[in-house]
Amino acid sequence: MIAISTSGRSPNILSAMKSARDRGVMTIALTGANARDMGEAADIVLKVPSRHTPQIQEGHLVLGNLLYGMVENQLLA
């Protein structure tokens, strides 16, 4: 599961991460500079080194595209 939050503390995202973990699903968190609660709930944390929401969101777009590309390469290999 990939969870995305600029604040790292969105209640609905944290709830989804807990449900995923309870089911044995690996979680990857995309956050801003401060991962807060999501950092503790995730198996892997990818932080965008900014506290400015638009920059964090732009970083999440880049990270998402990189992750999706890596998954696609593995599936097509």
PDB file of N, CA and C in Angstrom:
ATOM      1  N   MET A   1       0.839  -1.164   0.000  1.00  0.00           N
ATOM      2  CA  MET A   1       0.000   0.000   0.000  1.00  0.00           C
ATOM      3  C   MET A   1       0.889   1.234   0.000  1.00  0.00           C
ATOM      4  N   ILE A   2       0.526   2.194  -0.816  1.00  0.00           N
ATOM      5  CA  ILE A   2       1.229   3.474  -0.819  1.00  0.00           C
ATOM      6  C   ILE A   2       0.280   4.517  -0.233  1.00  0.00           C
ATOM      7  N   ALA A   3       0.708   5.144   0.858  1.00  0.00           N
ATOM      8  CA  ALA A   3      -0.088   6.166   1.542  1.00  0.00           C
ATOM      9  C   ALA A   3       0.574   7.524   1.331  1.00  0.00           C
ATOM     10  N   ILE A   4      -0.225   8.527   0.987  1.00  0.00           N
ATOM     11  CA  ILE A   4       0.301   9.852   0.674  1.00  0.00           C
ATOM     12  C   ILE A   4      -0.369  10.902   1.559  1.00  0.00           C
ATOM     13  N   SER A   5       0.457  11.712   2.236  1.00  0.00           N
ATOM     14  CA  SER A   5      -0.058  12.808   3.055  1.00  0.00           C
ATOM     15  C   SER A   5       1.036  13.860   3.228  1.00  0.00           C
ATOM     16  N   THR A   6       0.713  15.109   2.971  1.00  0.00           N
ATOM     17  CA  THR A   6       1.715  16.159   3.168  1.00  0.00           C
ATOM     18  C   THR A   6       1.996  16.386   4.651  1.00  0.00           C
ATOM     19  N   SER A   7       0.996  16.208   5.495  1.00  0.00           N
ATOM     20  CA  SER A   7       1.160  16.459   6.930  1.00  0.00           C
ATOM     21  C   SER A   7       1.702  15.254   7.687  1.00  0.00           C
ATOM     22  N   GLY A   8       1.467  14.052   7.169  1.00  0.00           N
ATOM     23  CA  GLY A   8       1.895  12.845   7.872  1.00  0.00           C
ATOM     24  C   GLY A   8       0.995  12.466   9.031  1.00  0.00           C
ATOM     25  N   ARG A   9      -0.174  13.086   9.118  1.00  0.00           N
ATOM     26  CA  ARG A   9      -1.060  12.784  10.254  1.00  0.00           C
ATOM     27  C   ARG A   9      -2.540  12.721   9.866  1.00  0.00           C
ATOM     28  N   SER A  10      -2.840  12.491   8.613  1.00  0.00           N
ATOM     29  CA  SER A  10      -4.233  12.415   8.154  1.00  0.00           C
ATOM     30  C   SER A  10      -4.922  11.193   8.774  1.00  0.00           C
ATOM     31  N   PRO A  11      -5.984  11.402   9.546  1.00  0.00           N
ATOM     32  CA  PRO A  11      -6.622  10.283  10.261  1.00  0.00           C
ATOM     33  C   PRO A  11      -7.099   9.155   9.339  1.00  0.00           C
ATOM     34  N   ASN A  12      -7.694   9.497   8.207  1.00  0.00           N
ATOM     35  CA  ASN A  12      -8.199   8.439   7.322  1.00  0.00           C
ATOM     36  C   ASN A  12      -7.056   7.627   6.714  1.00  0.00           C
ATOM     37  N   ILE A  13      -5.943   8.273   6.407  1.00  0.00           N
ATOM     38  CA  ILE A  13      -4.782   7.580   5.865  1.00  0.00           C
ATOM     39  C   ILE A  13      -4.173   6.679   6.937  1.00  0.00           C
ATOM     40  N   LEU A  14      -4.055   7.180   8.154  1.00  0.00           N
ATOM     41  CA  LEU A  14      -3.516   6.378   9.251  1.00  0.00           C
ATOM     42  C   LEU A  14      -4.384   5.156   9.519  1.00  0.00           C
ATOM     43  N   SER A  15      -5.690   5.317   9.425  1.00  0.00           N
ATOM     44  CA  SER A  15      -6.606   4.196   9.612  1.00  0.00           C
ATOM     45  C   SER A  15      -6.404   3.142   8.519  1.00  0.00           C
ATOM     46  N   ALA A  16      -6.257   3.589   7.285  1.00  0.00           N
ATOM     47  CA  ALA A  16      -6.019   2.659   6.177  1.00  0.00           C
ATOM     48  C   ALA A  16      -4.683   1.938   6.355  1.00  0.00           C
ATOM     49  N   MET A  17      -3.672   2.653   6.831  1.00  0.00           N
ATOM     50  CA  MET A  17      -2.366   2.031   7.056  1.00  0.00           C
ATOM     51  C   MET A  17      -2.443   0.975   8.161  1.00  0.00           C
ATOM     52  N   LYS A  18      -3.195   1.262   9.213  1.00  0.00           N
ATOM     53  CA  LYS A  18      -3.360   0.281  10.291  1.00  0.00           C
ATOM     54  C   LYS A  18      -4.071  -0.962   9.762  1.00  0.00           C
ATOM     55  N   SER A  19      -5.113  -0.768   8.963  1.00  0.00           N
ATOM     56  CA  SER A  19      -5.835  -1.907   8.389  1.00  0.00           C
ATOM     57  C   SER A  19      -4.918  -2.742   7.503  1.00  0.00           C
ATOM     58  N   ALA A  20      -4.092  -2.060   6.701  1.00  0.00           N
ATOM     59  CA  ALA A  20      -3.152  -2.773   5.835  1.00  0.00           C
ATOM     60  C   ALA A  20      -2.161  -3.576   6.670  1.00  0.00           C
ATOM     61  N   ARG A  21      -1.595  -2.949   7.678  1.00  0.00           N
ATOM     62  CA  ARG A  21      -0.618  -3.639   8.535  1.00  0.00           C
ATOM     63  C   ARG A  21      -1.257  -4.834   9.232  1.00  0.00           C
ATOM     64  N   ASP A  22      -2.506  -4.689   9.705  1.00  0.00           N
ATOM     65  CA  ASP A  22      -3.212  -5.789  10.364  1.00  0.00           C
ATOM     66  C   ASP A  22      -3.390  -6.978   9.426  1.00  0.00           C
ATOM     67  N   ARG A  23      -3.409  -6.707   8.126  1.00  0.00           N
ATOM     68  CA  ARG A  23      -3.579  -7.762   7.119  1.00  0.00           C
ATOM     69  C   ARG A  23      -2.246  -8.242   6.543  1.00  0.00           C
ATOM     70  N   GLY A  24      -1.149  -7.721   7.077  1.00  0.00           N
ATOM     71  CA  GLY A  24       0.159  -8.146   6.625  1.00  0.00           C
ATOM     72  C   GLY A  24       0.631  -7.508   5.332  1.00  0.00           C
ATOM     73  N   VAL A  25       0.013  -6.380   4.957  1.00  0.00           N
ATOM     74  CA  VAL A  25       0.382  -5.673   3.732  1.00  0.00           C
ATOM     75  C   VAL A  25       1.489  -4.666   4.035  1.00  0.00           C
ATOM     76  N   MET A  26       2.532  -4.656   3.221  1.00  0.00           N
ATOM     77  CA  MET A  26       3.614  -3.688   3.393  1.00  0.00           C
ATOM     78  C   MET A  26       3.084  -2.292   3.076  1.00  0.00           C
ATOM     79  N   THR A  27       3.518  -1.300   3.857  1.00  0.00           N
ATOM     80  CA  THR A  27       3.076   0.074   3.633  1.00  0.00           C
ATOM     81  C   THR A  27       4.260   0.979   3.329  1.00  0.00           C
ATOM     82  N   ILE A  28       4.058   1.852   2.350  1.00  0.00           N
ATOM     83  CA  ILE A  28       5.034   2.866   1.973  1.00  0.00           C
ATOM     84  C   ILE A  28       4.363   4.218   2.172  1.00  0.00           C
ATOM     85  N   ALA A  29       4.986   5.091   2.941  1.00  0.00           N
ATOM     86  CA  ALA A  29       4.423   6.412   3.213  1.00  0.00           C
ATOM     87  C   ALA A  29       5.192   7.475   2.438  1.00  0.00           C
ATOM     88  N   LEU A  30       4.473   8.331   1.731  1.00  0.00           N
ATOM     89  CA  LEU A  30       5.034   9.514   1.096  1.00  0.00           C
ATOM     90  C   LEU A  30       4.569  10.699   1.919  1.00  0.00           C
ATOM     91  N   THR A  31       5.533  11.419   2.503  1.00  0.00           N
ATOM     92  CA  THR A  31       5.205  12.516   3.414  1.00  0.00           C
ATOM     93  C   THR A  31       6.045  13.743   3.087  1.00  0.00           C
ATOM     94  N   GLY A  32       5.848  14.778   3.892  1.00  0.00           N
ATOM     95  CA  GLY A  32       6.717  15.941   3.834  1.00  0.00           C
ATOM     96  C   GLY A  32       7.925  15.700   4.722  1.00  0.00           C
ATOM     97  N   ALA A  33       8.643  16.752   5.056  1.00  0.00           N
ATOM     98  CA  ALA A  33       9.869  16.646   5.838  1.00  0.00           C
ATOM     99  C   ALA A  33       9.643  15.987   7.197  1.00  0.00           C
ATOM    100  N   ASN A  34       8.472  16.192   7.772  1.00  0.00           N
ATOM    101  CA  ASN A  34       8.150  15.592   9.058  1.00  0.00           C
ATOM    102  C   ASN A  34       7.112  14.496   8.850  1.00  0.00           C
ATOM    103  N   ALA A  35       7.527  13.245   8.959  1.00  0.00           N
ATOM    104  CA  ALA A  35       6.635  12.114   8.691  1.00  0.00           C
ATOM    105  C   ALA A  35       5.583  11.917   9.780  1.00  0.00           C
ATOM    106  N   ARG A  36       5.823  12.455  10.949  1.00  0.00           N
ATOM    107  CA  ARG A  36       4.900  12.371  12.083  1.00  0.00           C
ATOM    108  C   ARG A  36       4.375  10.948  12.285  1.00  0.00           C
ATOM    109  N   ASP A  37       3.073  10.793  12.451  1.00  0.00           N
ATOM    110  CA  ASP A  37       2.461   9.505  12.769  1.00  0.00           C
ATOM    111  C   ASP A  37       2.628   8.482  11.653  1.00  0.00           C
ATOM    112  N   MET A  38       2.618   8.942  10.413  1.00  0.00           N
ATOM    113  CA  MET A  38       2.773   8.006   9.293  1.00  0.00           C
ATOM    114  C   MET A  38       4.142   7.351   9.310  1.00  0.00           C
ATOM    115  N   GLY A  39       5.135   8.048   9.786  1.00  0.00           N
ATOM    116  CA  GLY A  39       6.474   7.485   9.854  1.00  0.00           C
ATOM    117  C   GLY A  39       6.543   6.257  10.741  1.00  0.00           C
ATOM    118  N   GLU A  40       5.771   6.274  11.812  1.00  0.00           N
ATOM    119  CA  GLU A  40       5.739   5.137  12.727  1.00  0.00           C
ATOM    120  C   GLU A  40       4.880   4.004  12.191  1.00  0.00           C
ATOM    121  N   ALA A  41       3.900   4.317  11.347  1.00  0.00           N
ATOM    122  CA  ALA A  41       2.963   3.312  10.853  1.00  0.00           C
ATOM    123  C   ALA A  41       3.446   2.616   9.581  1.00  0.00           C
ATOM    124  N   ALA A  42       4.469   3.158   8.935  1.00  0.00           N
ATOM    125  CA  ALA A  42       4.904   2.638   7.638  1.00  0.00           C
ATOM    126  C   ALA A  42       6.118   1.733   7.745  1.00  0.00           C
ATOM    127  N   ASP A  43       6.218   0.819   6.793  1.00  0.00           N
ATOM    128  CA  ASP A  43       7.414  -0.011   6.680  1.00  0.00           C
ATOM    129  C   ASP A  43       8.532   0.778   6.009  1.00  0.00           C
ATOM    130  N   ILE A  44       8.167   1.604   5.032  1.00  0.00           N
ATOM    131  CA  ILE A  44       9.120   2.430   4.305  1.00  0.00           C
ATOM    132  C   ILE A  44       8.565   3.851   4.264  1.00  0.00           C
ATOM    133  N   VAL A  45       9.404   4.836   4.557  1.00  0.00           N
ATOM    134  CA  VAL A  45       8.985   6.240   4.531  1.00  0.00           C
ATOM    135  C   VAL A  45       9.831   6.986   3.500  1.00  0.00           C
ATOM    136  N   LEU A  46       9.171   7.646   2.565  1.00  0.00           N
ATOM    137  CA  LEU A  46       9.837   8.503   1.587  1.00  0.00           C
ATOM    138  C   LEU A  46       9.408   9.931   1.876  1.00  0.00           C
ATOM    139  N   LYS A  47      10.359  10.741   2.392  1.00  0.00           N
ATOM    140  CA  LYS A  47      10.058  12.120   2.788  1.00  0.00           C
ATOM    141  C   LYS A  47      10.507  13.090   1.704  1.00  0.00           C
ATOM    142  N   VAL A  48       9.638  14.014   1.361  1.00  0.00           N
ATOM    143  CA  VAL A  48      10.023  15.140   0.508  1.00  0.00           C
ATOM    144  C   VAL A  48      10.576  16.205   1.446  1.00  0.00           C
ATOM    145  N   PRO A  49      11.821  16.636   1.256  1.00  0.00           N
ATOM    146  CA  PRO A  49      12.462  17.540   2.215  1.00  0.00           C
ATOM    147  C   PRO A  49      11.963  18.987   2.127  1.00  0.00           C
ATOM    148  N   SER A  50      10.691  19.166   2.453  1.00  0.00           N
ATOM    149  CA  SER A  50      10.089  20.493   2.434  1.00  0.00           C
ATOM    150  C   SER A  50       8.964  20.543   3.458  1.00  0.00           C
ATOM    151  N   ARG A  51       8.632  21.729   3.902  1.00  0.00           N
ATOM    152  CA  ARG A  51       7.474  21.947   4.766  1.00  0.00           C
ATOM    153  C   ARG A  51       6.410  22.777   4.031  1.00  0.00           C
ATOM    154  N   HIS A  52       6.641  23.025   2.765  1.00  0.00           N
ATOM    155  CA  HIS A  52       5.752  23.841   1.931  1.00  0.00           C
ATOM    156  C   HIS A  52       4.857  22.898   1.105  1.00  0.00           C
ATOM    157  N   THR A  53       3.546  22.916   1.379  1.00  0.00           N
ATOM    158  CA  THR A  53       2.615  21.941   0.802  1.00  0.00           C
ATOM    159  C   THR A  53       2.728  21.787  -0.712  1.00  0.00           C
ATOM    160  N   PRO A  54       2.732  22.862  -1.503  1.00  0.00           N
ATOM    161  CA  PRO A  54       2.837  22.658  -2.959  1.00  0.00           C
ATOM    162  C   PRO A  54       4.120  21.936  -3.369  1.00  0.00           C
ATOM    163  N   GLN A  55       5.225  22.230  -2.723  1.00  0.00           N
ATOM    164  CA  GLN A  55       6.475  21.536  -3.051  1.00  0.00           C
ATOM    165  C   GLN A  55       6.408  20.066  -2.651  1.00  0.00           C
ATOM    166  N   ILE A  56       5.801  19.770  -1.522  1.00  0.00           N
ATOM    167  CA  ILE A  56       5.634  18.379  -1.096  1.00  0.00           C
ATOM    168  C   ILE A  56       4.786  17.631  -2.113  1.00  0.00           C
ATOM    169  N   GLN A  57       3.689  18.235  -2.548  1.00  0.00           N
ATOM    170  CA  GLN A  57       2.812  17.583  -3.526  1.00  0.00           C
ATOM    171  C   GLN A  57       3.533  17.348  -4.853  1.00  0.00           C
ATOM    172  N   GLU A  58       4.347  18.289  -5.283  1.00  0.00           N
ATOM    173  CA  GLU A  58       5.127  18.093  -6.504  1.00  0.00           C
ATOM    174  C   GLU A  58       6.116  16.941  -6.323  1.00  0.00           C
ATOM    175  N   GLY A  59       6.741  16.870  -5.155  1.00  0.00           N
ATOM    176  CA  GLY A  59       7.654  15.771  -4.865  1.00  0.00           C
ATOM    177  C   GLY A  59       6.949  14.430  -4.859  1.00  0.00           C
ATOM    178  N   HIS A  60       5.721  14.403  -4.346  1.00  0.00           N
ATOM    179  CA  HIS A  60       4.948  13.165  -4.339  1.00  0.00           C
ATOM    180  C   HIS A  60       4.641  12.701  -5.763  1.00  0.00           C
ATOM    181  N   LEU A  61       4.372  13.639  -6.653  1.00  0.00           N
ATOM    182  CA  LEU A  61       4.140  13.271  -8.056  1.00  0.00           C
ATOM    183  C   LEU A  61       5.374  12.604  -8.662  1.00  0.00           C
ATOM    184  N   VAL A  62       6.530  13.175  -8.408  1.00  0.00           N
ATOM    185  CA  VAL A  62       7.778  12.611  -8.928  1.00  0.00           C
ATOM    186  C   VAL A  62       8.023  11.223  -8.331  1.00  0.00           C
ATOM    187  N   LEU A  63       7.906  11.111  -7.007  1.00  0.00           N
ATOM    188  CA  LEU A  63       8.116   9.822  -6.356  1.00  0.00           C
ATOM    189  C   LEU A  63       7.127   8.775  -6.853  1.00  0.00           C
ATOM    190  N   GLY A  64       5.877   9.165  -7.012  1.00  0.00           N
ATOM    191  CA  GLY A  64       4.866   8.239  -7.516  1.00  0.00           C
ATOM    192  C   GLY A  64       5.220   7.727  -8.898  1.00  0.00           C
ATOM    193  N   ASN A  65       5.616   8.625  -9.783  1.00  0.00           N
ATOM    194  CA  ASN A  65       5.985   8.207 -11.135  1.00  0.00           C
ATOM    195  C   ASN A  65       7.196   7.286 -11.122  1.00  0.00           C
ATOM    196  N   LEU A  66       8.171   7.561 -10.274  1.00  0.00           N
ATOM    197  CA  LEU A  66       9.337   6.681 -10.159  1.00  0.00           C
ATOM    198  C   LEU A  66       8.943   5.298  -9.641  1.00  0.00           C
ATOM    199  N   LEU A  67       8.107   5.256  -8.611  1.00  0.00           N
ATOM    200  CA  LEU A  67       7.665   3.974  -8.066  1.00  0.00           C
ATOM    201  C   LEU A  67       6.868   3.173  -9.086  1.00  0.00           C
ATOM    202  N   TYR A  68       5.953   3.839  -9.775  1.00  0.00           N
ATOM    203  CA  TYR A  68       5.133   3.137 -10.761  1.00  0.00           C
ATOM    204  C   TYR A  68       6.000   2.604 -11.898  1.00  0.00           C
ATOM    205  N   GLY A  69       6.992   3.383 -12.306  1.00  0.00           N
ATOM    206  CA  GLY A  69       7.913   2.940 -13.352  1.00  0.00           C
ATOM    207  C   GLY A  69       8.712   1.727 -12.919  1.00  0.00           C
ATOM    208  N   MET A  70       9.163   1.718 -11.672  1.00  0.00           N
ATOM    209  CA  MET A  70       9.919   0.573 -11.160  1.00  0.00           C
ATOM    210  C   MET A  70       9.053  -0.681 -11.119  1.00  0.00           C
ATOM    211  N   VAL A  71       7.806  -0.539 -10.675  1.00  0.00           N
ATOM    212  CA  VAL A  71       6.894  -1.678 -10.640  1.00  0.00           C
ATOM    213  C   VAL A  71       6.626  -2.182 -12.052  1.00  0.00           C
ATOM    214  N   GLU A  72       6.376  -1.267 -12.979  1.00  0.00           N
ATOM    215  CA  GLU A  72       6.126  -1.663 -14.360  1.00  0.00           C
ATOM    216  C   GLU A  72       7.328  -2.402 -14.947  1.00  0.00           C
ATOM    217  N   ASN A  73       8.532  -1.925 -14.698  1.00  0.00           N
ATOM    218  CA  ASN A  73       9.731  -2.603 -15.195  1.00  0.00           C
ATOM    219  C   ASN A  73       9.841  -4.014 -14.649  1.00  0.00           C
ATOM    220  N   GLN A  74       9.517  -4.188 -13.390  1.00  0.00           N
ATOM    221  CA  GLN A  74       9.574  -5.526 -12.782  1.00  0.00           C
ATOM    222  C   GLN A  74       8.509  -6.452 -13.376  1.00  0.00           C
ATOM    223  N   LEU A  75       7.328  -5.916 -13.598  1.00  0.00           N
ATOM    224  CA  LEU A  75       6.244  -6.735 -14.152  1.00  0.00           C
ATOM    225  C   LEU A  75       6.510  -7.143 -15.599  1.00  0.00           C
ATOM    226  N   LEU A  76       7.167  -6.284 -16.350  1.00  0.00           N
ATOM    227  CA  LEU A  76       7.420  -6.568 -17.760  1.00  0.00           C
ATOM    228  C   LEU A  76       8.735  -7.317 -17.985  1.00  0.00           C
ATOM    229  N   ALA A  77       9.557  -7.469 -16.938  1.00  0.00           N
ATOM    230  CA  ALA A  77      10.856  -8.132 -17.075  1.00  0.00           C
ATOM    231  C   ALA A  77      10.715  -9.621 -17.337  1.00  0.00           C
TER     232      ALA A  77
END
